[in-house]
């Protein structure tokens, strides 16, 4: 059995390190939003629901097109649960999603990267608007 030369081993190691340096960060970046997020939503618009808030859980599963399938679970008025799925799209600023809510119009969400890797942003639905605050 022939033992590889130091030069061959050196080329192999250099190639391996190069691949780790180039490929691995790209793979991590592609899924930086994937996974489970927990936090809350708030209502900021004046009117009937001003000051309302509730829990929010978001799970993002990567799709082959580079975007995500989002599953959202939360509570409104402390006791009323809600659940929905919506495609979540990556943008230069973060994430966006939109979901038709039947007679209530549509729900639109925009999230950007906040401090310490959190996601912060806002939502609009049925003439109201508010904030979203999520972390891992």
N, C-alpha and C. Protein backbone atom coordinates (compact mmCIF):
# COMPACT_ATOMS: atom_id res chain seq x y z
N UNK A 1 0.84 -1.18 0.00
CA UNK A 1 0.00 0.00 0.00
C UNK A 1 0.88 1.25 0.00
N UNK A 2 0.59 2.15 -0.89
CA UNK A 2 1.38 3.36 -1.03
C UNK A 2 0.87 4.43 -0.07
N UNK A 3 1.73 5.05 0.68
CA UNK A 3 1.38 6.11 1.63
C UNK A 3 1.38 7.44 0.87
N UNK A 4 0.30 8.24 1.04
CA UNK A 4 0.27 9.53 0.33
C UNK A 4 1.38 10.45 0.84
N UNK A 5 1.89 11.25 -0.07
CA UNK A 5 2.95 12.19 0.31
C UNK A 5 2.36 13.33 1.15
N UNK A 6 3.25 14.02 1.83
CA UNK A 6 2.82 15.17 2.64
C UNK A 6 2.15 16.24 1.76
N UNK A 7 2.67 16.36 0.54
CA UNK A 7 2.12 17.34 -0.40
C UNK A 7 0.67 16.99 -0.75
N UNK A 8 0.40 15.70 -1.01
CA UNK A 8 -0.95 15.25 -1.34
C UNK A 8 -1.89 15.47 -0.15
N UNK A 9 -1.43 15.13 1.03
CA UNK A 9 -2.25 15.34 2.24
C UNK A 9 -2.52 16.83 2.44
N UNK A 10 -1.50 17.64 2.19
CA UNK A 10 -1.66 19.09 2.32
C UNK A 10 -2.70 19.64 1.36
N UNK A 11 -2.68 19.18 0.10
CA UNK A 11 -3.68 19.61 -0.88
C UNK A 11 -5.09 19.18 -0.44
N UNK A 12 -5.18 17.96 0.05
CA UNK A 12 -6.47 17.45 0.52
C UNK A 12 -7.00 18.32 1.67
N UNK A 13 -6.15 18.59 2.66
CA UNK A 13 -6.58 19.41 3.80
C UNK A 13 -6.95 20.82 3.37
N UNK A 14 -6.16 21.40 2.48
CA UNK A 14 -6.46 22.76 2.00
C UNK A 14 -7.79 22.78 1.26
N UNK A 15 -8.06 21.77 0.45
CA UNK A 15 -9.33 21.68 -0.27
C UNK A 15 -10.49 21.51 0.71
N UNK A 16 -10.30 20.68 1.72
CA UNK A 16 -11.33 20.44 2.72
C UNK A 16 -11.65 21.72 3.49
N UNK A 17 -10.63 22.44 3.92
CA UNK A 17 -10.82 23.70 4.64
C UNK A 17 -11.52 24.72 3.74
N UNK A 18 -11.12 24.78 2.47
CA UNK A 18 -11.76 25.70 1.54
C UNK A 18 -13.25 25.40 1.40
N UNK A 19 -13.58 24.13 1.25
CA UNK A 19 -14.99 23.74 1.14
C UNK A 19 -15.77 24.12 2.40
N UNK A 20 -15.19 23.89 3.55
CA UNK A 20 -15.86 24.28 4.80
C UNK A 20 -16.08 25.78 4.87
N UNK A 21 -15.08 26.54 4.45
CA UNK A 21 -15.16 27.99 4.52
C UNK A 21 -16.17 28.58 3.54
N UNK A 22 -16.35 27.94 2.38
CA UNK A 22 -17.23 28.47 1.35
C UNK A 22 -18.62 27.86 1.40
N UNK A 23 -18.71 26.57 1.48
CA UNK A 23 -19.99 25.87 1.37
C UNK A 23 -20.78 25.92 2.67
N UNK A 24 -20.16 25.68 3.79
CA UNK A 24 -20.88 25.62 5.06
C UNK A 24 -21.60 26.92 5.41
N UNK A 25 -20.96 28.10 5.32
CA UNK A 25 -21.71 29.32 5.63
C UNK A 25 -22.90 29.53 4.69
N UNK A 26 -22.79 29.13 3.44
CA UNK A 26 -23.90 29.26 2.51
C UNK A 26 -25.07 28.39 2.94
N UNK A 27 -24.79 27.16 3.37
CA UNK A 27 -25.84 26.26 3.82
C UNK A 27 -26.49 26.79 5.09
N UNK A 28 -25.71 27.32 6.02
CA UNK A 28 -26.26 27.86 7.26
C UNK A 28 -27.10 29.09 6.95
N UNK A 29 -26.60 29.97 6.07
CA UNK A 29 -27.33 31.18 5.72
C UNK A 29 -28.67 30.84 5.07
N UNK A 30 -28.72 29.80 4.27
CA UNK A 30 -29.95 29.44 3.57
C UNK A 30 -31.05 29.05 4.55
N UNK A 31 -30.69 28.55 5.72
CA UNK A 31 -31.67 28.11 6.70
C UNK A 31 -31.63 28.93 7.98
N UNK A 32 -31.16 30.17 7.91
CA UNK A 32 -31.05 30.97 9.12
C UNK A 32 -32.40 31.21 9.79
N UNK A 33 -33.49 31.14 9.05
CA UNK A 33 -34.81 31.37 9.63
C UNK A 33 -35.56 30.08 9.93
N UNK A 34 -35.09 28.95 9.42
CA UNK A 34 -35.80 27.68 9.60
C UNK A 34 -35.85 27.30 11.07
N UNK A 35 -36.95 26.66 11.45
CA UNK A 35 -37.07 26.16 12.81
C UNK A 35 -38.18 26.85 13.59
N UNK A 36 -38.12 26.67 14.91
CA UNK A 36 -39.18 27.14 15.80
C UNK A 36 -38.84 28.50 16.40
N UNK A 37 -39.84 29.36 16.41
CA UNK A 37 -39.75 30.70 16.99
C UNK A 37 -40.92 30.87 17.96
N UNK A 38 -40.69 31.59 19.04
CA UNK A 38 -41.76 31.87 20.02
C UNK A 38 -41.72 33.34 20.40
N UNK A 39 -42.89 33.86 20.69
CA UNK A 39 -42.94 35.25 21.10
C UNK A 39 -44.35 35.73 21.30
N UNK A 40 -44.59 36.96 20.83
CA UNK A 40 -45.90 37.58 21.04
C UNK A 40 -46.23 38.53 19.91
N UNK A 41 -47.49 38.87 19.85
CA UNK A 41 -47.96 39.89 18.92
C UNK A 41 -48.68 40.96 19.75
N UNK A 42 -48.74 42.16 19.25
CA UNK A 42 -49.46 43.25 19.91
C UNK A 42 -50.31 43.98 18.88
N UNK A 43 -51.36 44.63 19.36
CA UNK A 43 -52.17 45.49 18.50
C UNK A 43 -51.79 46.93 18.80
N UNK A 44 -51.42 47.67 17.76
CA UNK A 44 -50.98 49.04 17.93
C UNK A 44 -51.94 50.07 17.34
N UNK A 45 -52.89 49.62 16.53
CA UNK A 45 -53.80 50.57 15.90
C UNK A 45 -54.87 51.02 16.90
N UNK A 46 -55.33 52.27 16.78
CA UNK A 46 -56.39 52.73 17.67
C UNK A 46 -57.69 52.01 17.32
N UNK A 47 -58.57 51.90 18.28
CA UNK A 47 -59.85 51.28 18.00
C UNK A 47 -60.20 50.21 19.00
N UNK A 48 -61.12 49.37 18.59
CA UNK A 48 -61.70 48.35 19.46
C UNK A 48 -60.66 47.42 20.09
N UNK A 49 -59.64 47.02 19.34
CA UNK A 49 -58.68 46.04 19.83
C UNK A 49 -57.36 46.64 20.28
N UNK A 50 -57.29 47.97 20.43
CA UNK A 50 -56.04 48.62 20.83
C UNK A 50 -55.54 48.04 22.17
N UNK A 51 -54.27 47.71 22.21
CA UNK A 51 -53.67 47.18 23.42
C UNK A 51 -53.77 45.68 23.57
N UNK A 52 -54.50 45.02 22.67
CA UNK A 52 -54.56 43.56 22.75
C UNK A 52 -53.20 42.98 22.43
N UNK A 53 -52.94 41.82 23.00
CA UNK A 53 -51.70 41.10 22.71
C UNK A 53 -51.93 39.63 22.95
N UNK A 54 -51.02 38.82 22.48
CA UNK A 54 -51.16 37.38 22.66
C UNK A 54 -49.88 36.65 22.33
N UNK A 55 -49.90 35.36 22.57
CA UNK A 55 -48.74 34.53 22.27
C UNK A 55 -48.71 34.18 20.79
N UNK A 56 -47.53 33.88 20.31
CA UNK A 56 -47.37 33.48 18.91
C UNK A 56 -46.21 32.50 18.82
N UNK A 57 -46.44 31.39 18.16
CA UNK A 57 -45.39 30.43 17.82
C UNK A 57 -45.36 30.30 16.31
N UNK A 58 -44.17 30.29 15.76
CA UNK A 58 -44.00 30.17 14.31
C UNK A 58 -42.97 29.09 14.06
N UNK A 59 -43.31 28.15 13.17
CA UNK A 59 -42.36 27.11 12.76
C UNK A 59 -42.17 27.26 11.25
N UNK A 60 -40.93 27.45 10.83
CA UNK A 60 -40.63 27.62 9.42
C UNK A 60 -39.90 26.40 8.90
N UNK A 61 -40.49 25.75 7.89
CA UNK A 61 -39.89 24.58 7.24
C UNK A 61 -39.40 25.00 5.87
N UNK A 62 -38.12 24.76 5.55
CA UNK A 62 -37.58 25.14 4.25
C UNK A 62 -38.30 24.44 3.10
N UNK A 63 -38.50 25.18 2.01
CA UNK A 63 -39.06 24.63 0.78
C UNK A 63 -37.95 24.56 -0.26
N UNK A 64 -38.12 23.74 -1.28
CA UNK A 64 -37.07 23.62 -2.31
C UNK A 64 -36.77 24.93 -3.04
N UNK A 65 -37.72 25.87 -3.07
CA UNK A 65 -37.51 27.13 -3.79
C UNK A 65 -36.74 28.16 -2.97
N UNK A 66 -36.28 27.79 -1.76
CA UNK A 66 -35.51 28.72 -0.93
C UNK A 66 -36.36 29.52 0.04
N UNK A 67 -37.67 29.36 -0.03
CA UNK A 67 -38.56 30.04 0.90
C UNK A 67 -38.99 29.04 1.98
N UNK A 68 -40.07 29.34 2.69
CA UNK A 68 -40.49 28.51 3.81
C UNK A 68 -41.99 28.25 3.80
N UNK A 69 -42.37 27.15 4.42
CA UNK A 69 -43.78 26.90 4.76
C UNK A 69 -43.89 27.28 6.24
N UNK A 70 -44.74 28.24 6.54
CA UNK A 70 -44.89 28.69 7.91
C UNK A 70 -46.12 28.10 8.57
N UNK A 71 -45.97 27.67 9.80
CA UNK A 71 -47.09 27.22 10.62
C UNK A 71 -47.15 28.18 11.81
N UNK A 72 -48.31 28.79 12.01
CA UNK A 72 -48.48 29.81 13.04
C UNK A 72 -49.55 29.35 14.04
N UNK A 73 -49.23 29.45 15.32
CA UNK A 73 -50.15 29.08 16.39
C UNK A 73 -50.09 30.17 17.44
N UNK A 74 -51.25 30.60 17.90
CA UNK A 74 -51.26 31.65 18.91
C UNK A 74 -52.60 31.76 19.60
N UNK A 75 -52.74 32.84 20.35
CA UNK A 75 -53.98 33.10 21.08
C UNK A 75 -54.37 34.56 20.91
N UNK A 76 -55.66 34.77 20.79
CA UNK A 76 -56.25 36.10 20.75
C UNK A 76 -57.14 36.24 21.98
N UNK A 77 -57.10 37.38 22.62
CA UNK A 77 -57.91 37.63 23.82
C UNK A 77 -57.67 36.56 24.89
N UNK A 78 -56.46 36.13 25.03
CA UNK A 78 -55.97 35.17 26.02
C UNK A 78 -56.51 33.75 25.83
N UNK A 79 -57.75 33.58 25.46
CA UNK A 79 -58.35 32.24 25.43
C UNK A 79 -58.72 31.73 24.04
N UNK A 80 -58.73 32.55 23.02
CA UNK A 80 -59.17 32.12 21.69
C UNK A 80 -57.95 31.68 20.87
N UNK A 81 -57.80 30.37 20.65
CA UNK A 81 -56.64 29.89 19.89
C UNK A 81 -56.82 30.09 18.39
N UNK A 82 -55.72 30.23 17.70
CA UNK A 82 -55.76 30.23 16.24
C UNK A 82 -54.59 29.44 15.70
N UNK A 83 -54.76 28.94 14.47
CA UNK A 83 -53.76 28.12 13.80
C UNK A 83 -53.92 28.36 12.30
N UNK A 84 -52.84 28.61 11.62
CA UNK A 84 -52.90 28.69 10.15
C UNK A 84 -51.53 28.40 9.57
N UNK A 85 -51.54 28.07 8.30
CA UNK A 85 -50.31 27.86 7.53
C UNK A 85 -50.28 28.86 6.39
N UNK A 86 -49.07 29.29 6.06
CA UNK A 86 -48.91 30.23 4.96
C UNK A 86 -47.49 30.14 4.43
N UNK A 87 -47.31 30.35 3.12
CA UNK A 87 -45.94 30.43 2.60
C UNK A 87 -45.28 31.70 3.15
N UNK A 88 -44.01 31.59 3.50
CA UNK A 88 -43.24 32.71 4.01
C UNK A 88 -42.06 32.92 3.06
N UNK A 89 -41.92 34.15 2.57
CA UNK A 89 -40.93 34.45 1.55
C UNK A 89 -39.78 35.27 2.12
N UNK A 90 -38.58 34.89 1.70
CA UNK A 90 -37.38 35.65 2.07
C UNK A 90 -37.29 36.89 1.19
N UNK A 91 -36.91 37.99 1.80
CA UNK A 91 -36.62 39.22 1.06
C UNK A 91 -35.26 39.73 1.54
N UNK A 92 -34.77 40.78 0.93
CA UNK A 92 -33.51 41.37 1.40
C UNK A 92 -33.65 41.89 2.82
N UNK A 93 -34.84 42.31 3.20
CA UNK A 93 -35.07 42.88 4.54
C UNK A 93 -35.43 41.83 5.59
N UNK A 94 -35.80 40.61 5.19
CA UNK A 94 -36.19 39.59 6.16
C UNK A 94 -37.20 38.62 5.59
N UNK A 95 -38.40 38.59 6.18
CA UNK A 95 -39.45 37.65 5.79
C UNK A 95 -40.77 38.37 5.59
N UNK A 96 -41.58 37.88 4.65
CA UNK A 96 -42.94 38.39 4.45
C UNK A 96 -43.88 37.21 4.23
N UNK A 97 -45.13 37.39 4.66
CA UNK A 97 -46.15 36.36 4.44
C UNK A 97 -47.49 37.06 4.30
N UNK A 98 -48.40 36.40 3.61
CA UNK A 98 -49.75 36.91 3.44
C UNK A 98 -50.70 35.72 3.43
N UNK A 99 -51.85 35.88 4.08
CA UNK A 99 -52.82 34.79 4.16
C UNK A 99 -54.22 35.38 4.11
N UNK A 100 -55.04 34.86 3.23
CA UNK A 100 -56.45 35.28 3.14
C UNK A 100 -57.20 34.72 4.33
N UNK A 101 -57.96 35.56 5.04
CA UNK A 101 -58.69 35.15 6.24
C UNK A 101 -60.20 35.14 6.03
N UNK A 102 -60.63 34.76 4.86
CA UNK A 102 -62.07 34.71 4.58
C UNK A 102 -62.69 36.08 4.62
N UNK A 103 -63.81 36.25 5.34
CA UNK A 103 -64.51 37.54 5.36
C UNK A 103 -63.74 38.64 6.08
N UNK A 104 -62.65 38.28 6.79
CA UNK A 104 -61.88 39.28 7.54
C UNK A 104 -60.81 39.94 6.70
N UNK A 105 -60.72 39.62 5.43
CA UNK A 105 -59.69 40.19 4.57
C UNK A 105 -58.45 39.33 4.57
N UNK A 106 -57.29 39.98 4.50
CA UNK A 106 -56.04 39.22 4.49
C UNK A 106 -55.15 39.67 5.64
N UNK A 107 -54.28 38.76 6.03
CA UNK A 107 -53.30 39.00 7.08
C UNK A 107 -51.96 39.13 6.40
N UNK A 108 -51.25 40.22 6.64
CA UNK A 108 -49.93 40.44 6.06
C UNK A 108 -48.91 40.62 7.17
N UNK A 109 -47.77 39.97 7.03
CA UNK A 109 -46.73 40.00 8.05
C UNK A 109 -45.40 40.38 7.41
N UNK A 110 -44.63 41.21 8.09
CA UNK A 110 -43.27 41.58 7.68
C UNK A 110 -42.36 41.44 8.89
N UNK A 111 -41.26 40.70 8.75
CA UNK A 111 -40.33 40.51 9.85
C UNK A 111 -38.91 40.79 9.39
N UNK A 112 -38.14 41.42 10.24
CA UNK A 112 -36.73 41.66 9.99
C UNK A 112 -35.92 41.11 11.16
N UNK A 113 -34.62 41.06 10.97
CA UNK A 113 -33.75 40.55 12.03
C UNK A 113 -33.56 41.65 13.06
N UNK A 114 -33.87 41.30 14.31
CA UNK A 114 -33.74 42.23 15.42
C UNK A 114 -32.49 41.94 16.23
N UNK A 115 -32.43 42.51 17.43
CA UNK A 115 -31.26 42.29 18.27
C UNK A 115 -31.13 40.83 18.71
N UNK A 116 -29.89 40.37 18.83
CA UNK A 116 -29.57 39.02 19.32
C UNK A 116 -30.24 37.91 18.50
N UNK A 117 -30.38 38.12 17.19
CA UNK A 117 -30.95 37.09 16.32
C UNK A 117 -32.45 36.93 16.42
N UNK A 118 -33.12 37.89 17.04
CA UNK A 118 -34.58 37.82 17.13
C UNK A 118 -35.20 38.28 15.82
N UNK A 119 -36.50 38.06 15.68
CA UNK A 119 -37.26 38.57 14.54
C UNK A 119 -38.28 39.57 15.08
N UNK A 120 -38.31 40.74 14.49
CA UNK A 120 -39.29 41.75 14.89
C UNK A 120 -39.91 42.34 13.64
N UNK A 121 -41.13 42.79 13.77
CA UNK A 121 -41.81 43.39 12.63
C UNK A 121 -43.23 43.71 12.95
N UNK A 122 -44.06 43.62 11.93
CA UNK A 122 -45.44 44.00 12.12
C UNK A 122 -46.39 43.20 11.28
N UNK A 123 -47.67 43.43 11.54
CA UNK A 123 -48.74 42.76 10.83
C UNK A 123 -49.86 43.76 10.55
N UNK A 124 -50.65 43.47 9.53
CA UNK A 124 -51.89 44.20 9.25
C UNK A 124 -52.96 43.18 8.92
N UNK A 125 -54.18 43.45 9.37
CA UNK A 125 -55.32 42.58 9.07
C UNK A 125 -56.60 43.30 9.44
N UNK A 126 -57.58 43.21 8.56
CA UNK A 126 -58.90 43.77 8.86
C UNK A 126 -58.88 45.22 9.29
N UNK A 127 -58.00 46.03 8.72
CA UNK A 127 -57.93 47.44 9.06
C UNK A 127 -57.15 47.73 10.34
N UNK A 128 -56.57 46.72 10.95
CA UNK A 128 -55.77 46.93 12.16
C UNK A 128 -54.32 46.58 11.88
N UNK A 129 -53.45 47.01 12.79
CA UNK A 129 -52.03 46.74 12.64
C UNK A 129 -51.41 46.53 14.02
N UNK A 130 -50.24 45.87 14.01
CA UNK A 130 -49.57 45.64 15.28
C UNK A 130 -48.15 45.16 15.08
N UNK A 131 -47.53 44.75 16.19
CA UNK A 131 -46.16 44.31 16.18
C UNK A 131 -46.03 42.82 16.44
N UNK A 132 -44.89 42.28 16.01
CA UNK A 132 -44.56 40.87 16.24
C UNK A 132 -43.14 40.82 16.76
N UNK A 133 -42.93 40.03 17.82
CA UNK A 133 -41.63 39.91 18.45
C UNK A 133 -41.36 38.43 18.72
N UNK A 134 -40.36 37.84 18.05
CA UNK A 134 -40.09 36.41 18.14
C UNK A 134 -38.61 36.16 18.42
N UNK A 135 -38.33 35.07 19.13
CA UNK A 135 -36.96 34.63 19.35
C UNK A 135 -36.93 33.12 19.36
N UNK A 136 -35.73 32.55 19.33
CA UNK A 136 -35.57 31.09 19.32
C UNK A 136 -35.93 30.51 20.66
